[in-house]
Amino acid sequence: MENIDALIREALTDEEAKFYKDLEEQDLFSRLEEVYRGKLGWLAILMNLIMLILFGIFVFCAFKFAASTDPGSQISWAATGFLCILAVGMLKLYFWMQMDKNDIKRELKRIELQIAALSARLHRE
């Protein structure tokens, strides 16, 4: 795999090589940051605020559940807490899917660049 990358870098111009380097795999924090910088960054911020609110409600429900002695109210607090933590989980899944989508887009750009470099190399020969 490294040999293929080296061959691709040799075929690229300086500008293309810099672009190719920017497309390399990112660490987790860079991937998280990329979600906030995208076109839907405002939605990611809004989702995090909603997750914080829902988690706060979950904690409140947990305390009320523990303090309650009536089984009916305990069921109500447990159900509300369960729905809140379920919503938080679904929002987290959406957030991670956005990160995965960005990874797929990055890989597609790498493939496009490799095809363009190969095409340019074939036309030169």
C-alpha atoms as a PDB file:
ATOM      1  CA  MET A   1       0.000   0.000   0.000  1.00  0.00           C
ATOM      2  CA  GLU A   2       2.823   2.426   0.813  1.00  0.00           C
ATOM      3  CA  ASN A   3       4.424   1.711  -2.579  1.00  0.00           C
ATOM      4  CA  ILE A   4       1.211   2.712  -4.338  1.00  0.00           C
ATOM      5  CA  ASP A   5       1.045   5.942  -2.320  1.00  0.00           C
ATOM      6  CA  ALA A   6       4.664   6.698  -3.219  1.00  0.00           C
ATOM      7  CA  LEU A   7       3.946   6.154  -6.919  1.00  0.00           C
ATOM      8  CA  ILE A   8       0.933   8.435  -6.722  1.00  0.00           C
ATOM      9  CA  ARG A   9       2.951  11.178  -5.006  1.00  0.00           C
ATOM     10  CA  GLU A  10       5.592  10.976  -7.736  1.00  0.00           C
ATOM     11  CA  ALA A  11       2.956  11.452 -10.427  1.00  0.00           C
ATOM     12  CA  LEU A  12       1.404  14.508  -8.775  1.00  0.00           C
ATOM     13  CA  THR A  13       2.393  18.140  -9.111  1.00  0.00           C
ATOM     14  CA  ASP A  14       3.314  20.076  -5.962  1.00  0.00           C
ATOM     15  CA  GLU A  15      -0.179  21.534  -5.663  1.00  0.00           C
ATOM     16  CA  GLU A  16      -1.836  18.149  -6.155  1.00  0.00           C
ATOM     17  CA  ALA A  17       0.573  16.546  -3.670  1.00  0.00           C
ATOM     18  CA  LYS A  18      -0.376  19.128  -1.018  1.00  0.00           C
ATOM     19  CA  PHE A  19      -4.068  18.471  -1.678  1.00  0.00           C
ATOM     20  CA  TYR A  20      -3.446  14.706  -1.470  1.00  0.00           C
ATOM     21  CA  LYS A  21      -1.644  15.143   1.871  1.00  0.00           C
ATOM     22  CA  ASP A  22      -4.645  17.069   3.232  1.00  0.00           C
ATOM     23  CA  LEU A  23      -6.850  14.073   2.391  1.00  0.00           C
ATOM     24  CA  GLU A  24      -4.928  11.646   4.610  1.00  0.00           C
ATOM     25  CA  GLU A  25      -6.658   9.911   7.484  1.00  0.00           C
ATOM     26  CA  GLN A  26      -7.395  12.182  10.442  1.00  0.00           C
ATOM     27  CA  ASP A  27      -7.391  11.549  14.149  1.00  0.00           C
ATOM     28  CA  LEU A  28     -10.618  11.537  16.154  1.00  0.00           C
ATOM     29  CA  PHE A  29     -10.462  15.174  17.275  1.00  0.00           C
ATOM     30  CA  SER A  30      -9.865  16.419  13.727  1.00  0.00           C
ATOM     31  CA  ARG A  31     -12.822  14.377  12.547  1.00  0.00           C
ATOM     32  CA  LEU A  32     -15.022  15.864  15.289  1.00  0.00           C
ATOM     33  CA  GLU A  33     -13.878  19.361  14.395  1.00  0.00           C
ATOM     34  CA  GLU A  34     -14.675  18.740  10.732  1.00  0.00           C
ATOM     35  CA  VAL A  35     -18.330  18.060  11.591  1.00  0.00           C
ATOM     36  CA  TYR A  36     -18.601  21.507  13.190  1.00  0.00           C
ATOM     37  CA  ARG A  37     -16.886  23.251  10.266  1.00  0.00           C
ATOM     38  CA  GLY A  38     -19.102  21.771   7.548  1.00  0.00           C
ATOM     39  CA  LYS A  39     -22.190  23.293   5.978  1.00  0.00           C
ATOM     40  CA  LEU A  40     -24.328  21.771   8.714  1.00  0.00           C
ATOM     41  CA  GLY A  41     -22.060  22.850  11.566  1.00  0.00           C
ATOM     42  CA  TRP A  42     -24.875  24.854  13.103  1.00  0.00           C
ATOM     43  CA  LEU A  43     -26.954  21.670  13.232  1.00  0.00           C
ATOM     44  CA  ALA A  44     -24.167  19.803  15.026  1.00  0.00           C
ATOM     45  CA  ILE A  45     -23.983  22.570  17.643  1.00  0.00           C
ATOM     46  CA  LEU A  46     -27.767  22.531  18.040  1.00  0.00           C
ATOM     47  CA  MET A  47     -27.760  18.744  18.394  1.00  0.00           C
ATOM     48  CA  ASN A  48     -25.113  18.934  21.123  1.00  0.00           C
ATOM     49  CA  LEU A  49     -27.172  21.504  23.015  1.00  0.00           C
ATOM     50  CA  ILE A  50     -30.244  19.283  22.733  1.00  0.00           C
ATOM     51  CA  MET A  51     -28.187  16.291  23.917  1.00  0.00           C
ATOM     52  CA  LEU A  52     -27.017  18.247  26.966  1.00  0.00           C
ATOM     53  CA  ILE A  53     -30.574  19.278  27.785  1.00  0.00           C
ATOM     54  CA  LEU A  54     -31.864  15.722  27.369  1.00  0.00           C
ATOM     55  CA  PHE A  55     -29.058  14.357  29.511  1.00  0.00           C
ATOM     56  CA  GLY A  56     -29.888  16.926  32.198  1.00  0.00           C
ATOM     57  CA  ILE A  57     -33.511  15.813  32.107  1.00  0.00           C
ATOM     58  CA  PHE A  58     -32.338  12.193  32.383  1.00  0.00           C
ATOM     59  CA  VAL A  59     -30.305  13.010  35.513  1.00  0.00           C
ATOM     60  CA  PHE A  60     -33.272  14.874  36.981  1.00  0.00           C
ATOM     61  CA  CYS A  61     -35.530  11.874  36.260  1.00  0.00           C
ATOM     62  CA  ALA A  62     -33.001   9.522  37.867  1.00  0.00           C
ATOM     63  CA  PHE A  63     -32.999  11.587  41.064  1.00  0.00           C
ATOM     64  CA  LYS A  64     -36.791  11.800  41.095  1.00  0.00           C
ATOM     65  CA  PHE A  65     -36.995   8.044  40.482  1.00  0.00           C
ATOM     66  CA  ALA A  66     -34.687   7.359  43.435  1.00  0.00           C
ATOM     67  CA  ALA A  67     -36.578   9.777  45.697  1.00  0.00           C
ATOM     68  CA  SER A  68     -40.030   8.502  44.770  1.00  0.00           C
ATOM     69  CA  THR A  69     -41.764   5.814  46.829  1.00  0.00           C
ATOM     70  CA  ASP A  70     -44.905   5.410  44.720  1.00  0.00           C
ATOM     71  CA  PRO A  71     -44.501   2.674  42.056  1.00  0.00           C
ATOM     72  CA  GLY A  72     -46.641   4.603  39.558  1.00  0.00           C
ATOM     73  CA  SER A  73     -44.474   7.709  39.754  1.00  0.00           C
ATOM     74  CA  GLN A  74     -41.330   5.572  39.662  1.00  0.00           C
ATOM     75  CA  ILE A  75     -42.520   4.044  36.385  1.00  0.00           C
ATOM     76  CA  SER A  76     -43.256   7.516  35.018  1.00  0.00           C
ATOM     77  CA  TRP A  77     -39.818   8.864  35.972  1.00  0.00           C
ATOM     78  CA  ALA A  78     -38.092   5.724  34.656  1.00  0.00           C
ATOM     79  CA  ALA A  79     -39.960   5.877  31.334  1.00  0.00           C
ATOM     80  CA  THR A  80     -39.183   9.579  30.897  1.00  0.00           C
ATOM     81  CA  GLY A  81     -35.530   8.986  31.740  1.00  0.00           C
ATOM     82  CA  PHE A  82     -35.372   6.045  29.357  1.00  0.00           C
ATOM     83  CA  LEU A  83     -36.828   8.107  26.501  1.00  0.00           C
ATOM     84  CA  CYS A  84     -34.364  10.923  27.171  1.00  0.00           C
ATOM     85  CA  ILE A  85     -31.324   8.643  27.175  1.00  0.00           C
ATOM     86  CA  LEU A  86     -32.663   6.874  24.056  1.00  0.00           C
ATOM     87  CA  ALA A  87     -32.959  10.237  22.270  1.00  0.00           C
ATOM     88  CA  VAL A  88     -29.403  11.120  23.316  1.00  0.00           C
ATOM     89  CA  GLY A  89     -28.189   7.823  21.889  1.00  0.00           C
ATOM     90  CA  MET A  90     -29.960   8.408  18.576  1.00  0.00           C
ATOM     91  CA  LEU A  91     -28.527  11.913  18.289  1.00  0.00           C
ATOM     92  CA  LYS A  92     -25.051  10.533  19.000  1.00  0.00           C
ATOM     93  CA  LEU A  93     -25.525   7.933  16.272  1.00  0.00           C
ATOM     94  CA  TYR A  94     -26.462  10.666  13.807  1.00  0.00           C
ATOM     95  CA  PHE A  95     -23.382  12.653  14.823  1.00  0.00           C
ATOM     96  CA  TRP A  96     -21.089   9.639  14.300  1.00  0.00           C
ATOM     97  CA  MET A  97     -22.741   8.958  10.948  1.00  0.00           C
ATOM     98  CA  GLN A  98     -21.883  12.521   9.901  1.00  0.00           C
ATOM     99  CA  MET A  99     -18.262  11.819  10.802  1.00  0.00           C
ATOM    100  CA  ASP A 100     -18.353   8.626   8.756  1.00  0.00           C
ATOM    101  CA  LYS A 101     -19.889  10.488   5.816  1.00  0.00           C
ATOM    102  CA  ASN A 102     -17.012  12.960   5.892  1.00  0.00           C
ATOM    103  CA  ASP A 103     -14.526  10.066   5.898  1.00  0.00           C
ATOM    104  CA  ILE A 104     -16.211   8.524   2.864  1.00  0.00           C
ATOM    105  CA  LYS A 105     -16.172  11.865   1.031  1.00  0.00           C
ATOM    106  CA  ARG A 106     -12.464  12.222   1.797  1.00  0.00           C
ATOM    107  CA  GLU A 107     -11.724   8.751   0.424  1.00  0.00           C
ATOM    108  CA  LEU A 108     -13.735   9.483  -2.722  1.00  0.00           C
ATOM    109  CA  LYS A 109     -11.704  12.654  -3.263  1.00  0.00           C
ATOM    110  CA  ARG A 110      -8.510  10.618  -2.905  1.00  0.00           C
ATOM    111  CA  ILE A 111      -9.765   8.183  -5.527  1.00  0.00           C
ATOM    112  CA  GLU A 112     -10.717  11.059  -7.846  1.00  0.00           C
ATOM    113  CA  LEU A 113      -7.256  12.538  -7.437  1.00  0.00           C
ATOM    114  CA  GLN A 114      -5.621   9.187  -8.127  1.00  0.00           C
ATOM    115  CA  ILE A 115      -7.692   8.739 -11.283  1.00  0.00           C
ATOM    116  CA  ALA A 116      -6.847  12.262 -12.446  1.00  0.00           C
ATOM    117  CA  ALA A 117      -3.136  11.672 -11.807  1.00  0.00           C
ATOM    118  CA  LEU A 118      -3.223   8.366 -13.670  1.00  0.00           C
ATOM    119  CA  SER A 119      -5.107   9.943 -16.567  1.00  0.00           C
ATOM    120  CA  ALA A 120      -2.585  12.796 -16.786  1.00  0.00           C
ATOM    121  CA  ARG A 121       0.278  10.315 -16.643  1.00  0.00           C
ATOM    122  CA  LEU A 122      -1.213   8.206 -19.437  1.00  0.00           C
ATOM    123  CA  HIS A 123      -1.769  11.257 -21.640  1.00  0.00           C
ATOM    124  CA  ARG A 124       1.863  12.338 -21.174  1.00  0.00           C
ATOM    125  CA  GLU A 125       3.129   8.988 -22.393  1.00  0.00           C
END
